[in-house]
Protein backbone atom coordinates (compact mmCIF):
# COMPACT_ATOMS: atom_id res chain seq x y z
CA MET A 1 -51.23 6.86 40.22
CA LYS A 2 -49.02 4.12 38.11
CA THR A 3 -46.48 5.51 35.55
CA ALA A 4 -46.23 3.83 32.06
CA ALA A 5 -42.38 3.11 31.30
CA ARG A 6 -40.67 4.65 29.21
CA ARG A 7 -39.34 3.06 26.13
CA ARG A 8 -36.25 4.20 24.32
CA PRO A 9 -36.99 4.28 20.17
CA VAL A 10 -35.14 1.62 18.23
CA ALA A 11 -34.83 3.92 15.27
CA PRO A 12 -31.84 6.24 16.40
CA VAL A 13 -30.17 3.05 17.56
CA ALA A 14 -30.43 1.61 14.32
CA LEU A 15 -29.31 4.50 12.32
CA ALA A 16 -26.06 5.16 14.41
CA ALA A 17 -25.40 1.07 14.00
CA ALA A 18 -25.94 1.86 9.99
CA LEU A 19 -23.72 5.12 10.07
CA LEU A 20 -21.10 3.35 11.80
CA THR A 21 -21.06 0.51 9.18
CA ALA A 22 -20.73 3.15 6.62
CA LEU A 23 -18.10 4.83 8.62
CA LEU A 24 -16.28 1.92 8.34
CA ILE A 25 -16.71 1.14 4.98
CA LEU A 26 -15.10 4.62 3.62
CA VAL A 27 -12.04 4.31 5.98
CA SER A 28 -11.11 0.93 5.17
CA PRO A 29 -9.72 2.01 1.83
CA LEU A 30 -7.90 4.58 3.36
CA SER A 31 -6.00 2.43 5.74
CA ALA A 32 -5.81 -0.40 3.29
CA SER A 33 -4.03 1.60 0.52
CA ALA A 34 -0.68 0.26 -0.21
CA HIS A 35 1.92 1.00 -3.05
CA ASP A 36 2.08 -0.71 -6.11
CA SER A 37 3.34 -4.30 -5.03
CA LEU A 38 5.65 -6.70 -7.80
CA LEU A 39 3.16 -9.43 -9.08
CA ALA A 40 5.60 -11.48 -11.10
CA SER A 41 9.30 -11.57 -12.18
CA SER A 42 11.34 -13.49 -14.76
CA PRO A 43 13.48 -15.07 -13.52
CA GLU A 44 11.45 -15.73 -10.56
CA ALA A 45 12.46 -15.23 -6.98
CA ASP A 46 14.25 -17.96 -5.80
CA GLY A 47 13.89 -19.91 -9.05
CA THR A 48 16.50 -21.49 -11.19
CA VAL A 49 17.02 -20.80 -14.70
CA ASP A 50 19.29 -22.53 -16.69
CA THR A 51 21.48 -20.05 -17.97
CA LEU A 52 20.98 -16.00 -17.26
CA PRO A 53 18.18 -14.52 -19.94
CA THR A 54 19.23 -11.50 -21.89
CA ALA A 55 16.78 -9.56 -19.78
CA LEU A 56 14.89 -9.56 -16.66
CA THR A 57 11.37 -8.61 -16.40
CA LEU A 58 9.29 -7.27 -13.18
CA THR A 59 5.66 -7.16 -13.51
CA PHE A 60 3.82 -5.05 -10.98
CA SER A 61 0.36 -4.29 -10.03
CA ALA A 62 -0.37 -1.01 -11.75
CA LYS A 63 1.14 1.18 -14.26
CA LEU A 64 4.01 3.01 -13.14
CA ILE A 65 5.20 6.58 -13.42
CA ASP A 66 8.25 6.90 -15.11
CA GLY A 67 10.95 9.51 -15.58
CA GLU A 68 14.52 10.35 -15.10
CA GLY A 69 15.91 8.19 -12.21
CA ALA A 70 12.64 6.75 -11.41
CA THR A 71 12.89 3.09 -12.11
CA GLU A 72 16.51 1.28 -11.21
CA VAL A 73 17.38 -2.36 -11.39
CA VAL A 74 20.43 -3.44 -10.07
CA VAL A 75 21.69 -7.37 -10.84
CA THR A 76 24.66 -8.89 -9.44
CA ASP A 77 26.38 -12.16 -9.54
CA ALA A 78 28.10 -14.18 -6.48
CA SER A 79 30.94 -11.62 -6.57
CA GLY A 80 28.80 -8.48 -6.23
CA THR A 81 29.38 -7.90 -9.91
CA SER A 82 27.21 -6.14 -11.89
CA VAL A 83 25.30 -8.08 -14.94
CA THR A 84 23.05 -5.56 -16.34
CA ASP A 85 23.54 -4.10 -19.69
CA GLY A 86 22.06 -0.63 -20.18
CA ALA A 87 19.14 1.12 -18.18
CA ALA A 88 15.76 -0.54 -17.13
CA THR A 89 12.90 0.50 -19.51
CA VAL A 90 8.88 0.82 -18.32
CA ASP A 91 6.19 -0.05 -20.14
CA GLY A 92 3.20 0.68 -18.17
CA ALA A 93 3.17 -1.82 -15.34
CA ILE A 94 6.32 -3.90 -16.71
CA VAL A 95 9.69 -3.04 -16.20
CA THR A 96 12.19 -4.70 -18.60
CA GLN A 97 16.22 -4.74 -17.51
CA PRO A 98 18.86 -6.05 -20.51
CA LEU A 99 21.54 -8.28 -19.14
CA VAL A 100 25.23 -9.30 -20.29
CA SER A 101 25.49 -12.36 -22.32
CA GLU A 102 28.61 -13.98 -20.56
CA ALA A 103 27.39 -14.89 -16.83
CA ALA A 104 28.82 -17.51 -14.33
CA ALA A 105 26.79 -20.19 -12.60
CA GLY A 106 25.46 -19.39 -9.09
CA ALA A 107 23.04 -17.11 -7.02
CA TYR A 108 22.20 -13.76 -8.39
CA HIS A 109 20.65 -10.89 -6.75
CA VAL A 110 18.29 -8.49 -8.12
CA VAL A 111 17.64 -5.03 -6.46
CA TRP A 112 14.66 -3.00 -7.95
CA LYS A 113 13.31 0.60 -7.04
CA ILE A 114 9.98 2.26 -8.88
CA VAL A 115 7.61 5.04 -8.26
CA SER A 116 4.20 3.71 -7.94
CA SER A 117 1.12 5.06 -9.41
CA ASP A 118 0.36 6.81 -6.59
CA GLY A 119 3.60 8.92 -6.50
CA HIS A 120 5.58 7.06 -3.70
CA PRO A 121 8.73 5.22 -4.36
CA THR A 122 8.69 1.37 -3.75
CA SER A 123 11.73 -0.89 -3.51
CA GLY A 124 12.41 -4.73 -3.15
CA GLU A 125 15.06 -7.38 -3.75
CA TYR A 126 14.82 -11.13 -4.52
CA PHE A 127 17.67 -13.89 -5.48
CA PHE A 128 17.69 -16.41 -8.49
CA THR A 129 20.03 -19.27 -9.70
CA VAL A 130 21.76 -19.85 -12.81
CA ALA A 131 22.59 -23.47 -13.05
CA ASN A 132 25.25 -23.34 -16.25
CA SER A 133 27.85 -20.61 -16.93
CA THR A 134 27.96 -19.13 -20.51
CA VAL A 135 31.34 -17.61 -20.15
CA PRO A 136 33.77 -19.06 -22.33
CA ASP A 137 36.88 -21.05 -20.98
CA GLN A 138 39.97 -18.63 -20.82
CA PRO A 139 43.30 -20.00 -22.46
CA ALA A 140 46.07 -20.66 -20.16
CA GLU A 141 48.59 -17.70 -19.68
CA THR A 142 52.18 -17.89 -20.40
CA PRO A 143 54.59 -15.99 -18.14
CA SER A 144 55.12 -12.80 -18.71
CA THR A 145 57.54 -9.78 -17.42
CA THR A 146 55.52 -6.80 -19.13
CA PRO A 147 52.42 -6.03 -16.36
CA SER A 148 48.99 -7.33 -18.29
CA ALA A 149 46.31 -5.06 -19.35
CA ALA A 150 44.17 -5.95 -16.27
CA GLU A 151 47.17 -4.85 -14.12
CA THR A 152 47.06 -1.60 -16.12
CA ILE A 153 43.98 -0.37 -15.80
CA SER A 154 41.98 0.63 -12.57
CA PRO A 155 39.17 -1.12 -11.49
CA THR A 156 35.81 0.13 -12.19
CA ALA A 157 33.29 0.91 -9.48
CA GLU A 158 30.35 -1.38 -9.01
CA THR A 159 27.24 0.04 -9.72
CA PRO A 160 25.96 0.72 -6.43
CA ALA A 161 22.37 -0.57 -5.75
CA PRO A 162 19.49 1.44 -5.12
CA THR A 163 18.82 2.79 -2.17
CA PRO A 164 15.65 1.10 -0.49
CA ALA A 165 12.51 3.73 -0.50
CA ALA A 166 11.61 5.48 2.50
CA THR A 167 8.21 4.69 4.06
CA PRO A 168 4.96 7.13 2.70
CA ASP A 169 5.93 10.86 3.89
CA GLU A 170 4.44 12.36 6.47
CA GLY A 171 2.25 14.45 4.37
CA SER A 172 0.40 11.29 3.20
CA SER A 173 -0.53 10.10 6.87
CA ALA A 174 -1.88 13.65 7.67
CA SER A 175 -3.81 13.41 4.86
CA ASN A 176 -5.21 10.12 5.70
CA TRP A 177 -6.07 11.66 9.35
CA ILE A 178 -7.71 14.48 8.02
CA TRP A 179 -10.55 12.61 5.99
CA LEU A 180 -10.67 10.24 8.56
CA LEU A 181 -11.37 12.92 11.24
CA ALA A 182 -13.69 14.68 8.32
CA ILE A 183 -15.88 11.59 8.23
CA VAL A 184 -16.44 11.13 12.01
CA GLY A 185 -17.40 14.49 12.60
CA VAL A 186 -20.02 14.21 9.91
CA LEU A 187 -21.45 11.30 11.19
CA VAL A 188 -21.42 12.26 14.83
CA ILE A 189 -23.70 15.55 13.66
CA ALA A 190 -26.10 13.45 11.64
CA VAL A 191 -26.46 11.03 14.53
CA ALA A 192 -27.04 13.96 16.93
CA VAL A 193 -29.43 15.22 14.75
CA VAL A 194 -31.46 11.97 14.16
CA VAL A 195 -31.58 11.56 18.09
CA GLY A 196 -32.34 15.29 18.66
CA PHE A 197 -35.60 14.72 16.44
CA ALA A 198 -36.34 11.67 18.16
CA LEU A 199 -36.27 13.33 21.66
CA ARG A 200 -38.59 16.06 20.62
CA GLY A 201 -41.33 13.77 19.03
CA ARG A 202 -41.27 11.98 22.05
CA ARG A 203 -41.87 15.06 24.54
CA GLY A 204 -44.40 16.04 21.81
CA SER A 205 -46.45 12.85 22.12
CA ALA A 206 -46.03 13.33 26.05
CA ASP A 207 -47.55 16.38 26.08
CA GLU A 208 -50.49 15.56 24.04
CA GLY A 209 -51.12 12.68 26.33
CA SER A 210 -51.33 14.76 29.57
CA ALA A 211 -53.39 17.44 27.83
CA ASP A 212 -55.97 14.63 27.19
CA GLY A 213 -55.84 12.74 30.29
CA PRO A 214 -58.86 11.96 32.37
CA ALA A 215 -59.93 14.85 35.17
CA THR A 216 -58.98 14.11 38.66
CA ASP A 217 -61.43 14.44 41.54
CA SER A 218 -62.24 17.25 43.05
CA ASP A 219 -61.31 18.24 46.58
CA ASP A 220 -63.95 20.74 46.84
CA PRO A 221 -66.93 19.74 48.76
CA ALA A 222 -69.33 21.96 46.87
CA GLU A 223 -68.72 19.65 43.92
CA ARG A 224 -69.56 16.58 45.35
């Protein structure tokens, strides 16, 4: 008596593949999510300007969260002296930092810190070069026995550069993992239900085939 080979249904396999694809599509935005990034700056990074502009602008990829201490920009010359003139202002995704009117030629260092639209702080830095000085020439000093004003005034402390922002807190990572595990759990349950229904349908078809099959020869001599 020959036994027919059972063929596994392809529908559950195809459905499982589709669900796996959906999982990857849903999870990819979680893993690819990032803080707002710097799109452009003026002066631009590693660029050269003729003279120091009256203001520096930074353009980010999304509207920033503004507030006291949320946005900081520090610009220093080659000697480490700050050339910022007042606090930075935020207008949507654009940060504007006023600069002093007189500055020497040379390399300048920009350090910025903002709060992204997702609520997390982000920071960065870059350099640019000023080709010409706007500092007026100082007249030659005449010898004097009295201390100069510069000698009597204590040096002012330089503006500290903002501390680079820490990496996203553990709460954000934990939230992403919770969403990921929830999505995986739903997909696993869906696959199990579909496979269960498919196997139940095949078992019912096999039972009907056995009931309707041809009768076997009887071994009772009286029936022959």
